[in-house]
N, C-alpha and C. Protein backbone atom coordinates (compact mmCIF):
# COMPACT_ATOMS: atom_id res chain seq x y z
N MET A 1 -12.70 1.98 -16.30
CA MET A 1 -12.03 1.03 -16.04
C MET A 1 -10.43 0.85 -16.14
N ALA A 2 -9.72 1.52 -16.86
CA ALA A 2 -8.40 1.38 -17.31
C ALA A 2 -8.07 2.42 -15.80
N THR A 3 -8.84 3.80 -15.70
CA THR A 3 -8.57 4.09 -14.34
C THR A 3 -8.26 3.12 -13.11
N GLU A 4 -9.26 2.41 -12.80
CA GLU A 4 -9.21 1.36 -12.30
C GLU A 4 -8.41 0.44 -11.91
N SER A 5 -7.59 0.19 -13.03
CA SER A 5 -6.41 -0.92 -13.03
C SER A 5 -5.49 0.02 -12.77
N ILE A 6 -5.18 0.92 -13.14
CA ILE A 6 -4.01 1.56 -12.52
C ILE A 6 -3.97 1.60 -11.20
N THR A 7 -5.52 2.34 -10.97
CA THR A 7 -5.13 2.40 -9.03
C THR A 7 -5.02 1.50 -8.11
N PHE A 8 -5.68 0.03 -8.71
CA PHE A 8 -5.41 -1.18 -7.80
C PHE A 8 -3.70 -1.49 -8.51
N GLY A 9 -3.28 -1.38 -9.49
CA GLY A 9 -1.69 -1.93 -9.44
C GLY A 9 -0.95 -1.37 -9.12
N LEU A 10 -1.61 -0.11 -8.70
CA LEU A 10 -0.67 1.06 -8.62
C LEU A 10 -0.16 0.98 -6.86
N SER A 11 -1.26 0.68 -6.20
CA SER A 11 -1.56 0.23 -4.87
C SER A 11 -0.93 -0.95 -4.22
N THR A 12 -1.00 -2.16 -5.55
CA THR A 12 -0.11 -3.37 -5.31
C THR A 12 0.85 -3.39 -5.05
N LEU A 13 1.59 -2.45 -6.20
CA LEU A 13 3.05 -2.45 -6.41
C LEU A 13 3.63 -1.73 -5.27
N VAL A 14 3.10 -0.58 -4.86
CA VAL A 14 3.61 0.47 -3.68
C VAL A 14 3.32 -0.65 -2.46
N THR A 15 2.51 -1.59 -2.14
CA THR A 15 2.24 -2.54 -0.82
C THR A 15 3.43 -3.04 -0.98
N VAL A 16 3.94 -3.70 -2.11
CA VAL A 16 5.01 -4.68 -2.29
C VAL A 16 6.22 -3.77 -1.73
N VAL A 17 6.22 -3.04 -2.28
CA VAL A 17 7.93 -2.18 -2.15
C VAL A 17 7.85 -1.84 -0.53
N GLY A 18 6.35 -1.21 -0.33
CA GLY A 18 6.82 -1.03 1.26
C GLY A 18 7.24 -2.30 1.92
N LEU A 19 6.28 -3.37 2.18
CA LEU A 19 7.00 -4.57 2.86
C LEU A 19 8.13 -4.95 2.22
N LEU A 20 8.82 -4.69 1.28
CA LEU A 20 10.21 -4.83 0.53
C LEU A 20 11.08 -4.05 1.80
N ILE A 21 10.98 -2.64 2.08
CA ILE A 21 11.67 -1.86 2.83
C ILE A 21 11.61 -2.30 3.99
N MET A 22 10.22 -2.80 4.50
CA MET A 22 10.01 -3.15 6.05
C MET A 22 10.78 -4.06 6.29
N LEU A 23 10.82 -5.36 5.45
CA LEU A 23 11.71 -6.49 5.54
C LEU A 23 13.38 -6.26 5.62
N TYR A 24 13.64 -5.49 5.08
CA TYR A 24 15.21 -4.70 4.64
C TYR A 24 15.24 -4.31 6.19
N GLY A 25 14.50 -3.51 6.82
CA GLY A 25 15.20 -3.14 8.43
C GLY A 25 14.70 -3.82 9.29
N VAL A 26 14.07 -4.90 8.83
CA VAL A 26 13.67 -6.42 9.84
C VAL A 26 15.25 -7.21 9.90
N LYS A 27 15.86 -7.10 8.30
CA LYS A 27 17.03 -7.66 8.35
C LYS A 27 18.50 -7.19 8.83
N LEU A 28 18.28 -5.71 9.04
CA LEU A 28 19.32 -5.13 9.67
C LEU A 28 19.58 -4.70 10.99
N THR A 29 18.54 -5.17 11.88
CA THR A 29 18.76 -5.13 13.26
C THR A 29 18.25 -6.46 14.00
N ASP A 30 17.99 -7.37 12.75
CA ASP A 30 17.74 -9.00 13.23
C ASP A 30 16.39 -8.88 13.59
N GLY A 31 15.25 -8.28 13.57
CA GLY A 31 14.27 -8.41 14.24
C GLY A 31 14.28 -7.45 15.76
N LEU A 32 15.03 -7.36 16.30
CA LEU A 32 15.43 -7.14 18.02
C LEU A 32 14.86 -5.70 18.20
N ALA A 33 14.94 -5.13 17.36
CA ALA A 33 14.82 -3.41 17.71
C ALA A 33 14.43 -2.80 16.39
N VAL A 34 13.81 -1.62 16.66
CA VAL A 34 12.69 -0.84 15.31
C VAL A 34 13.98 0.08 14.97
N SER A 35 13.73 -0.03 13.52
CA SER A 35 14.88 0.62 12.97
C SER A 35 14.00 1.74 11.88
N THR A 36 14.91 3.00 11.73
CA THR A 36 14.03 3.69 10.48
C THR A 36 13.18 3.07 9.19
N PRO A 37 13.92 2.36 8.60
CA PRO A 37 13.53 1.60 7.25
C PRO A 37 12.31 0.68 7.85
N MET A 38 11.67 0.23 8.97
CA MET A 38 10.95 -0.36 9.41
C MET A 38 9.74 0.38 9.49
N ILE A 39 10.04 1.51 9.86
CA ILE A 39 9.21 2.91 10.24
C ILE A 39 8.74 3.64 8.93
N ILE A 40 9.45 3.88 7.72
CA ILE A 40 9.14 4.18 6.82
C ILE A 40 8.46 3.28 5.89
N GLY A 41 8.76 1.78 5.90
CA GLY A 41 8.01 0.85 4.92
C GLY A 41 7.04 0.52 5.41
N GLY A 42 6.33 0.70 6.91
CA GLY A 42 5.15 0.89 7.54
C GLY A 42 4.02 1.74 7.05
N VAL A 43 5.06 3.29 6.90
CA VAL A 43 4.21 4.22 5.92
C VAL A 43 4.10 4.04 4.96
N VAL A 44 4.70 3.21 4.02
CA VAL A 44 4.10 3.46 2.64
C VAL A 44 3.23 2.31 2.42
N VAL A 45 3.74 1.36 3.24
CA VAL A 45 2.17 0.40 3.45
C VAL A 45 0.87 0.74 3.79
N LEU A 46 0.89 1.95 4.74
CA LEU A 46 -0.36 2.53 5.16
C LEU A 46 -0.76 3.75 4.04
N GLY A 47 -0.03 3.91 3.24
CA GLY A 47 0.07 5.01 2.14
C GLY A 47 -0.63 4.46 1.04
N ALA A 48 -0.37 3.01 1.13
CA ALA A 48 -0.74 1.82 0.16
C ALA A 48 -2.07 1.74 0.19
N ILE A 49 -2.39 1.68 1.47
CA ILE A 49 -3.51 0.85 2.07
C ILE A 49 -5.23 2.11 1.81
N GLY A 50 -4.47 3.26 1.94
CA GLY A 50 -5.02 4.99 1.67
C GLY A 50 -5.04 4.67 0.20
N LEU A 51 -4.56 4.36 -0.66
CA LEU A 51 -4.43 4.63 -2.08
C LEU A 51 -5.80 3.08 -2.48
N HIS A 52 -5.67 2.52 -2.45
CA HIS A 52 -6.68 1.54 -2.41
C HIS A 52 -7.87 1.89 -1.81
N THR A 53 -8.00 2.47 -0.67
CA THR A 53 -9.27 2.58 -0.03
C THR A 53 -9.86 3.86 -1.20
N ALA A 54 -9.12 4.45 -1.29
CA ALA A 54 -9.89 5.61 -2.10
C ALA A 54 -9.97 5.45 -3.59
N GLY A 55 -9.22 4.59 -4.13
CA GLY A 55 -10.00 3.96 -5.34
C GLY A 55 -11.11 2.79 -5.12
N LEU A 56 -11.28 2.13 -4.14
CA LEU A 56 -12.72 1.75 -4.12
C LEU A 56 -13.92 2.68 -3.68
N MET A 57 -13.29 3.87 -3.15
CA MET A 57 -14.75 4.74 -2.69
C MET A 57 -14.89 5.49 -4.16
N ALA A 58 -14.18 5.51 -5.20
CA ALA A 58 -14.49 6.25 -6.19
C ALA A 58 -15.16 5.29 -7.23
N LEU A 59 -15.22 4.54 -7.19
CA LEU A 59 -15.68 3.00 -7.59
C LEU A 59 -17.53 3.64 -7.99
N ASP A 60 -17.77 3.19 -9.08
CA ASP A 60 -19.06 4.02 -9.07
C ASP A 60 -20.30 2.42 -9.26
N ASP A 61 -20.71 2.88 -8.23
CA ASP A 61 -22.37 1.87 -7.18
C ASP A 61 -23.42 1.56 -8.57
N PRO A 62 -23.00 0.50 -8.99
CA PRO A 62 -24.37 -0.27 -9.78
C PRO A 62 -25.60 0.24 -9.75
N HIS A 63 -26.37 -0.33 -8.33
CA HIS A 63 -27.05 0.30 -7.91
C HIS A 63 -27.54 1.84 -7.99
N ASP A 64 -26.41 2.59 -7.98
CA ASP A 64 -27.04 4.28 -8.24
C ASP A 64 -27.77 4.41 -9.26
N ALA A 65 -27.30 3.97 -10.59
CA ALA A 65 -27.55 4.24 -11.82
C ALA A 65 -28.84 3.66 -12.15
N ALA A 66 -29.54 2.64 -11.53
CA ALA A 66 -30.68 2.41 -12.07
C ALA A 66 -32.08 3.41 -11.54
């Protein structure tokens, strides 16, 4: 249970950090052009979604225990 909490808490934190990086990139160019921070923030968010998905895949299915 603790491992699951750490995994999902970490994925939420990384998602928020990625979104903040993306918003910083939007602020730099007023959203008129794609900037490097926008791309980096997007990659960070995708990594967080991958971490969240991996955490979901690692959960035990209660139907298999019976």
